[in-house]
């Protein structure tokens, strides 16, 4: 179980990196939707409609992954702890303890 927690934390860490590899994707989206996105993007402080589309996709994906994996509160807490500069091993140990699989050795 703790190994699974470390793998989940690694996945979250990767998602937070801004320099991740990217893949070009082409989508056909109705013109009226694009116009709405262009109108809403600056209101929401996005640099453009494409950034807003990526944000919408990211939000929906995270929500679905959290719902499927059942770890909404844990992933939110982990993200907050990282922003506060908490060490990865401490986060992993706390997650394991909260999920009932605490080990005194954070590497097991």
C-alpha atoms as a PDB file:
ATOM      1  CA  UNK A   1       0.000   0.000   0.000  1.00  0.00           C
ATOM      2  CA  UNK A   2       2.799   2.441   0.852  1.00  0.00           C
ATOM      3  CA  UNK A   3       4.530   1.735  -2.471  1.00  0.00           C
ATOM      4  CA  UNK A   4       1.241   2.645  -4.169  1.00  0.00           C
ATOM      5  CA  UNK A   5       1.202   5.914  -2.188  1.00  0.00           C
ATOM      6  CA  UNK A   6       4.731   6.758  -3.357  1.00  0.00           C
ATOM      7  CA  UNK A   7       3.710   6.019  -6.950  1.00  0.00           C
ATOM      8  CA  UNK A   8       0.628   8.257  -6.558  1.00  0.00           C
ATOM      9  CA  UNK A   9       2.780  11.040  -5.083  1.00  0.00           C
ATOM     10  CA  UNK A  10       5.262  10.692  -7.966  1.00  0.00           C
ATOM     11  CA  UNK A  11       2.390  11.018 -10.430  1.00  0.00           C
ATOM     12  CA  UNK A  12       1.133  14.150  -8.676  1.00  0.00           C
ATOM     13  CA  UNK A  13       4.650  15.596  -8.631  1.00  0.00           C
ATOM     14  CA  UNK A  14       4.960  15.045 -12.377  1.00  0.00           C
ATOM     15  CA  UNK A  15       1.609  16.735 -12.990  1.00  0.00           C
ATOM     16  CA  UNK A  16       2.739  19.846 -11.126  1.00  0.00           C
ATOM     17  CA  UNK A  17       5.813  20.360 -13.319  1.00  0.00           C
ATOM     18  CA  UNK A  18       5.428  23.102 -15.908  1.00  0.00           C
ATOM     19  CA  UNK A  19       8.089  21.711 -18.275  1.00  0.00           C
ATOM     20  CA  UNK A  20       6.395  18.369 -18.974  1.00  0.00           C
ATOM     21  CA  UNK A  21       6.629  16.939 -22.505  1.00  0.00           C
ATOM     22  CA  UNK A  22       3.744  18.058 -24.710  1.00  0.00           C
ATOM     23  CA  UNK A  23       1.873  16.485 -27.620  1.00  0.00           C
ATOM     24  CA  UNK A  24       0.143  18.529 -30.312  1.00  0.00           C
ATOM     25  CA  UNK A  25      -3.578  17.744 -30.535  1.00  0.00           C
ATOM     26  CA  UNK A  26      -6.025  18.981 -33.133  1.00  0.00           C
ATOM     27  CA  UNK A  27      -9.696  19.368 -32.209  1.00  0.00           C
ATOM     28  CA  UNK A  28     -12.694  20.494 -34.190  1.00  0.00           C
ATOM     29  CA  UNK A  29     -14.677  22.856 -31.971  1.00  0.00           C
ATOM     30  CA  UNK A  30     -17.706  24.868 -33.114  1.00  0.00           C
ATOM     31  CA  UNK A  31     -16.974  28.524 -33.903  1.00  0.00           C
ATOM     32  CA  UNK A  32     -19.449  29.827 -31.323  1.00  0.00           C
ATOM     33  CA  UNK A  33     -17.682  27.858 -28.571  1.00  0.00           C
ATOM     34  CA  UNK A  34     -14.316  29.313 -29.633  1.00  0.00           C
ATOM     35  CA  UNK A  35     -15.789  32.820 -29.543  1.00  0.00           C
ATOM     36  CA  UNK A  36     -17.156  32.212 -26.035  1.00  0.00           C
ATOM     37  CA  UNK A  37     -13.768  30.875 -24.909  1.00  0.00           C
ATOM     38  CA  UNK A  38     -12.022  33.942 -26.360  1.00  0.00           C
ATOM     39  CA  UNK A  39     -14.470  36.196 -24.501  1.00  0.00           C
ATOM     40  CA  UNK A  40     -14.184  34.373 -21.169  1.00  0.00           C
ATOM     41  CA  UNK A  41     -10.392  33.771 -21.144  1.00  0.00           C
ATOM     42  CA  UNK A  42      -9.308  37.334 -20.295  1.00  0.00           C
ATOM     43  CA  UNK A  43     -12.083  37.675 -17.705  1.00  0.00           C
ATOM     44  CA  UNK A  44     -10.649  34.623 -15.934  1.00  0.00           C
ATOM     45  CA  UNK A  45      -7.081  35.984 -16.319  1.00  0.00           C
ATOM     46  CA  UNK A  46      -5.967  33.481 -18.956  1.00  0.00           C
ATOM     47  CA  UNK A  47      -3.517  34.535 -21.657  1.00  0.00           C
ATOM     48  CA  UNK A  48      -5.774  33.143 -24.367  1.00  0.00           C
ATOM     49  CA  UNK A  49      -8.511  30.681 -25.165  1.00  0.00           C
ATOM     50  CA  UNK A  50      -6.115  27.746 -25.651  1.00  0.00           C
ATOM     51  CA  UNK A  51      -4.807  28.121 -22.102  1.00  0.00           C
ATOM     52  CA  UNK A  52      -8.411  28.187 -20.901  1.00  0.00           C
ATOM     53  CA  UNK A  53      -9.177  24.984 -22.831  1.00  0.00           C
ATOM     54  CA  UNK A  54      -6.166  23.283 -21.205  1.00  0.00           C
ATOM     55  CA  UNK A  55      -7.334  24.483 -17.784  1.00  0.00           C
ATOM     56  CA  UNK A  56     -10.838  23.116 -18.390  1.00  0.00           C
ATOM     57  CA  UNK A  57      -9.434  19.772 -19.522  1.00  0.00           C
ATOM     58  CA  UNK A  58      -7.102  19.637 -16.509  1.00  0.00           C
ATOM     59  CA  UNK A  59      -9.918  20.468 -14.066  1.00  0.00           C
ATOM     60  CA  UNK A  60     -12.227  17.854 -15.530  1.00  0.00           C
ATOM     61  CA  UNK A  61      -9.511  15.225 -15.675  1.00  0.00           C
ATOM     62  CA  UNK A  62      -8.406  15.825 -12.075  1.00  0.00           C
ATOM     63  CA  UNK A  63     -12.002  15.726 -10.851  1.00  0.00           C
ATOM     64  CA  UNK A  64     -12.661  12.438 -12.664  1.00  0.00           C
ATOM     65  CA  UNK A  65      -9.394  10.860 -11.523  1.00  0.00           C
ATOM     66  CA  UNK A  66     -10.047  11.879  -7.936  1.00  0.00           C
ATOM     67  CA  UNK A  67     -13.617  10.610  -8.091  1.00  0.00           C
ATOM     68  CA  UNK A  68     -12.497   7.294  -9.604  1.00  0.00           C
ATOM     69  CA  UNK A  69      -9.517   6.892  -7.282  1.00  0.00           C
ATOM     70  CA  UNK A  70     -11.452   8.169  -4.260  1.00  0.00           C
ATOM     71  CA  UNK A  71      -8.734  10.511  -3.014  1.00  0.00           C
ATOM     72  CA  UNK A  72     -10.184  14.009  -3.363  1.00  0.00           C
ATOM     73  CA  UNK A  73      -9.136  15.285   0.056  1.00  0.00           C
ATOM     74  CA  UNK A  74      -5.756  13.568   0.016  1.00  0.00           C
ATOM     75  CA  UNK A  75      -4.638  14.990  -3.331  1.00  0.00           C
ATOM     76  CA  UNK A  76      -5.776  18.480  -2.327  1.00  0.00           C
ATOM     77  CA  UNK A  77      -3.875  18.210   0.944  1.00  0.00           C
ATOM     78  CA  UNK A  78      -0.761  16.850  -0.783  1.00  0.00           C
ATOM     79  CA  UNK A  79      -0.744  19.738  -3.232  1.00  0.00           C
ATOM     80  CA  UNK A  80      -1.088  22.225  -0.373  1.00  0.00           C
ATOM     81  CA  UNK A  81       1.720  20.583   1.636  1.00  0.00           C
ATOM     82  CA  UNK A  82       4.045  20.730  -1.369  1.00  0.00           C
ATOM     83  CA  UNK A  83       3.330  24.417  -1.828  1.00  0.00           C
ATOM     84  CA  UNK A  84       4.289  24.885   1.832  1.00  0.00           C
ATOM     85  CA  UNK A  85       7.622  23.119   1.189  1.00  0.00           C
ATOM     86  CA  UNK A  86       6.929  19.933   3.142  1.00  0.00           C
ATOM     87  CA  UNK A  87       9.420  17.125   2.354  1.00  0.00           C
ATOM     88  CA  UNK A  88       8.169  14.339   0.036  1.00  0.00           C
ATOM     89  CA  UNK A  89       9.021  11.589   2.528  1.00  0.00           C
ATOM     90  CA  UNK A  90       7.013  13.292   5.248  1.00  0.00           C
ATOM     91  CA  UNK A  91       4.064  13.670   2.892  1.00  0.00           C
ATOM     92  CA  UNK A  92       4.295  10.009   1.852  1.00  0.00           C
ATOM     93  CA  UNK A  93       4.502   8.854   5.454  1.00  0.00           C
ATOM     94  CA  UNK A  94       1.501  10.982   6.452  1.00  0.00           C
ATOM     95  CA  UNK A  95      -0.546   9.709   3.506  1.00  0.00           C
ATOM     96  CA  UNK A  96       0.292   6.115   4.389  1.00  0.00           C
ATOM     97  CA  UNK A  97      -0.647   6.693   8.030  1.00  0.00           C
ATOM     98  CA  UNK A  98      -3.920   8.348   7.061  1.00  0.00           C
ATOM     99  CA  UNK A  99      -4.765   5.395   4.843  1.00  0.00           C
ATOM    100  CA  UNK A 100      -4.002   2.902   7.594  1.00  0.00           C
ATOM    101  CA  UNK A 101      -0.741   1.479   6.292  1.00  0.00           C
ATOM    102  CA  UNK A 102       1.783   3.451   8.316  1.00  0.00           C
ATOM    103  CA  UNK A 103       5.316   2.070   8.523  1.00  0.00           C
ATOM    104  CA  UNK A 104       8.119   3.578  10.604  1.00  0.00           C
ATOM    105  CA  UNK A 105      10.455   3.175   7.628  1.00  0.00           C
ATOM    106  CA  UNK A 106       9.307   5.571   4.851  1.00  0.00           C
ATOM    107  CA  UNK A 107      11.213   3.516   2.234  1.00  0.00           C
ATOM    108  CA  UNK A 108       9.169   0.300   2.639  1.00  0.00           C
END
